[in-house]
Structure formats: C-alpha cells, structure tokens
Protein backbone atom coordinates (compact mmCIF):
# COMPACT_ATOMS: atom_id res chain seq x y z
CA MET A 1 109.74 82.32 106.55
CA PRO A 2 107.22 84.17 104.88
CA LYS A 3 105.12 87.72 106.79
CA GLY A 4 102.29 85.63 108.68
CA PHE A 5 103.48 81.97 108.55
CA LYS A 6 105.08 82.40 112.02
CA ASN A 7 102.38 79.59 113.91
CA ARG A 8 101.63 77.80 110.78
CA GLU A 9 102.66 75.02 108.72
CA ILE A 10 103.81 75.31 105.35
CA THR A 11 104.01 72.04 102.88
CA MET A 12 105.12 71.09 99.35
CA SER A 13 101.59 70.30 98.26
CA GLY A 14 99.79 72.54 96.80
CA ILE A 15 98.29 73.72 93.23
CA THR A 16 98.88 74.35 89.99
CA LYS A 17 97.83 77.46 88.09
CA THR A 18 98.77 78.40 84.10
CA ILE A 19 99.49 82.49 83.61
CA PRO A 20 97.94 82.74 80.15
CA ALA A 21 99.90 84.01 77.77
CA SER A 22 97.74 86.50 76.74
CA ALA A 23 98.51 88.42 80.44
CA GLY A 24 102.45 88.35 79.48
CA VAL A 25 106.08 87.28 80.66
CA GLU A 26 105.25 89.99 82.86
CA ARG A 27 102.35 88.90 84.64
CA LEU A 28 105.17 86.22 85.70
CA ASP A 29 107.36 88.02 86.69
CA SER A 30 105.51 90.28 89.19
CA LEU A 31 105.12 87.02 91.15
CA PHE A 32 108.57 87.13 91.99
CA ASP A 33 110.83 89.91 91.76
CA GLY A 34 109.18 92.28 94.64
CA SER A 35 107.42 94.65 92.43
CA ILE A 36 103.94 93.30 94.25
CA SER A 37 102.89 92.03 97.84
CA GLU A 38 100.07 90.36 96.93
CA TYR A 39 98.51 88.29 94.08
CA GLU A 40 94.87 86.89 93.85
CA PHE A 41 94.56 83.60 92.47
CA HIS A 42 90.67 82.27 91.88
CA MET A 43 89.85 78.30 91.78
CA ALA A 44 86.25 77.10 91.34
CA GLY A 45 84.16 76.16 94.05
CA THR A 46 85.46 75.63 97.47
CA PRO A 47 88.70 73.65 97.75
CA SER A 48 88.44 70.15 99.75
CA LYS A 49 92.66 70.03 99.97
CA LEU A 50 94.16 72.88 99.70
CA LYS A 51 94.68 75.54 102.60
CA ALA A 52 96.79 78.31 103.68
CA GLY A 53 100.36 77.40 103.73
CA ASP A 54 100.25 75.25 100.90
CA TYR A 55 101.65 76.45 97.38
CA VAL A 56 100.63 78.12 93.84
CA TYR A 57 102.94 76.47 91.37
CA ALA A 58 103.01 78.92 88.46
CA ILE A 59 102.82 77.30 84.79
CA PHE A 60 103.63 79.55 82.03
CA GLY A 61 104.93 78.45 78.43
CA ASP A 62 104.49 75.33 79.11
CA LEU A 63 107.37 75.05 82.58
CA LEU A 64 106.78 75.11 85.76
CA HIS A 65 108.56 78.67 87.00
CA GLY A 66 107.79 78.92 91.04
CA ARG A 67 105.85 78.81 93.17
CA ILE A 68 104.66 81.28 95.78
CA LEU A 69 102.98 80.58 99.05
CA ILE A 70 99.05 80.73 99.91
CA ASP A 71 98.38 83.17 102.93
CA ARG A 72 94.58 82.17 102.51
CA ILE A 73 91.18 81.17 101.03
CA VAL A 74 88.11 83.13 101.36
CA SER A 75 85.12 80.43 99.79
CA GLY A 76 81.82 82.19 99.11
CA ALA A 77 82.75 83.90 95.70
CA VAL A 78 81.06 84.43 92.54
CA HIS A 79 82.57 84.29 89.34
CA PRO A 80 80.80 87.34 87.36
CA LYS A 81 80.27 85.92 83.74
CA SER A 82 78.94 82.08 85.46
CA GLY A 83 77.44 82.82 88.50
CA ARG A 84 79.46 80.18 90.15
CA PRO A 85 80.83 79.75 93.40
CA ARG A 86 84.77 80.01 93.48
CA SER A 87 87.21 80.76 96.42
CA LEU A 88 89.73 83.71 95.97
CA ILE A 89 93.31 82.12 96.57
CA TYR A 90 95.96 85.29 98.25
CA THR A 91 99.38 84.41 97.93
CA ASP A 92 102.27 86.49 99.63
CA THR A 93 104.38 87.65 96.94
CA PRO A 94 106.98 87.65 96.11
CA GLY A 95 107.19 83.55 95.21
CA GLU A 96 110.38 81.07 95.46
CA ARG A 97 111.70 81.45 91.38
CA LEU A 98 113.76 78.23 90.01
CA LYS A 99 116.73 78.59 88.67
CA LYS A 100 116.09 76.80 85.39
CA PRO A 101 111.76 75.93 84.94
CA VAL A 102 111.49 72.54 84.79
CA PRO A 103 108.84 71.27 82.10
CA ARG A 104 105.21 71.26 83.61
CA LYS A 105 102.79 71.11 80.35
CA GLY A 106 99.87 74.22 81.64
CA HIS A 107 96.11 73.36 81.76
CA ARG A 108 92.81 75.53 82.51
CA GLY A 109 91.71 75.80 85.84
CA THR A 110 93.56 74.26 88.98
CA ARG A 111 94.53 71.03 89.73
CA TYR A 112 96.42 69.69 92.91
CA TYR A 113 99.47 68.88 93.15
CA ASP A 114 102.09 67.30 95.48
CA GLY A 115 105.30 69.30 94.71
CA SER A 116 107.02 66.25 93.27
CA ASP A 117 108.94 67.84 90.75
CA TRP A 118 110.11 71.14 92.76
CA LYS A 119 113.81 71.42 93.24
CA SER A 120 114.98 75.01 94.64
C-alpha cells in the first residue's frame, strides 16, 4: 500500500489526464520510474467526484500507460493566465504502469473515469 494510505479507502475510479507530447516521454516515464516522489496535476474548478485514494490515469500518445494514486487535492488555486479557479491534484509517485498500454484517446482537460480499462 502506498505511503500515507494505511487508513484510506483506495478505489479504481479517478480521472484521466493527457501528458502533452511537448512534455515528452521523459515526463511520462518519471511518473513510474521512481525518479520523483510526487507529481502535481491541475484541474479546472473544484472536483465534485474526486478524492484522495482515487487515481490519475495517464494517457500519452493516445494510449493509457498507467495510474498514479492521488495523495491530496488542494482547492483554491488560481490559473496564472486566466485567473480562473483550479485545484491542484498531488499524486504519490511512482505509479503503476501497465505492461502493455491500452488504446485510450487523449484529450484536453480532465475527465472522470471508472478504471474499466485497467488490467494490471
């Protein structure tokens, strides 16, 4: 069990986030190889169905590569360019990487996801 999750419920649900091609495969790899201990994702507004113990499912190149456990969500941040409210989603890395990525169309923003394609 990931650190800090001894008494928390862990689910299969969460959100999908697309790692931009401009960030490169190095960014994707860093989520799963142990080179970083935490990663911050952003989400517009305040999530209504997301909580610590859910997952961020990482998409890169129209493939679902893995999932990273959400450690905490901090609401009240502001987008630096638009001034709109957003939440910061901190994940506990390294995440779990699929042995073989699953086709999953990339997208902008955040989408809720039930983990139905996950096969560890």
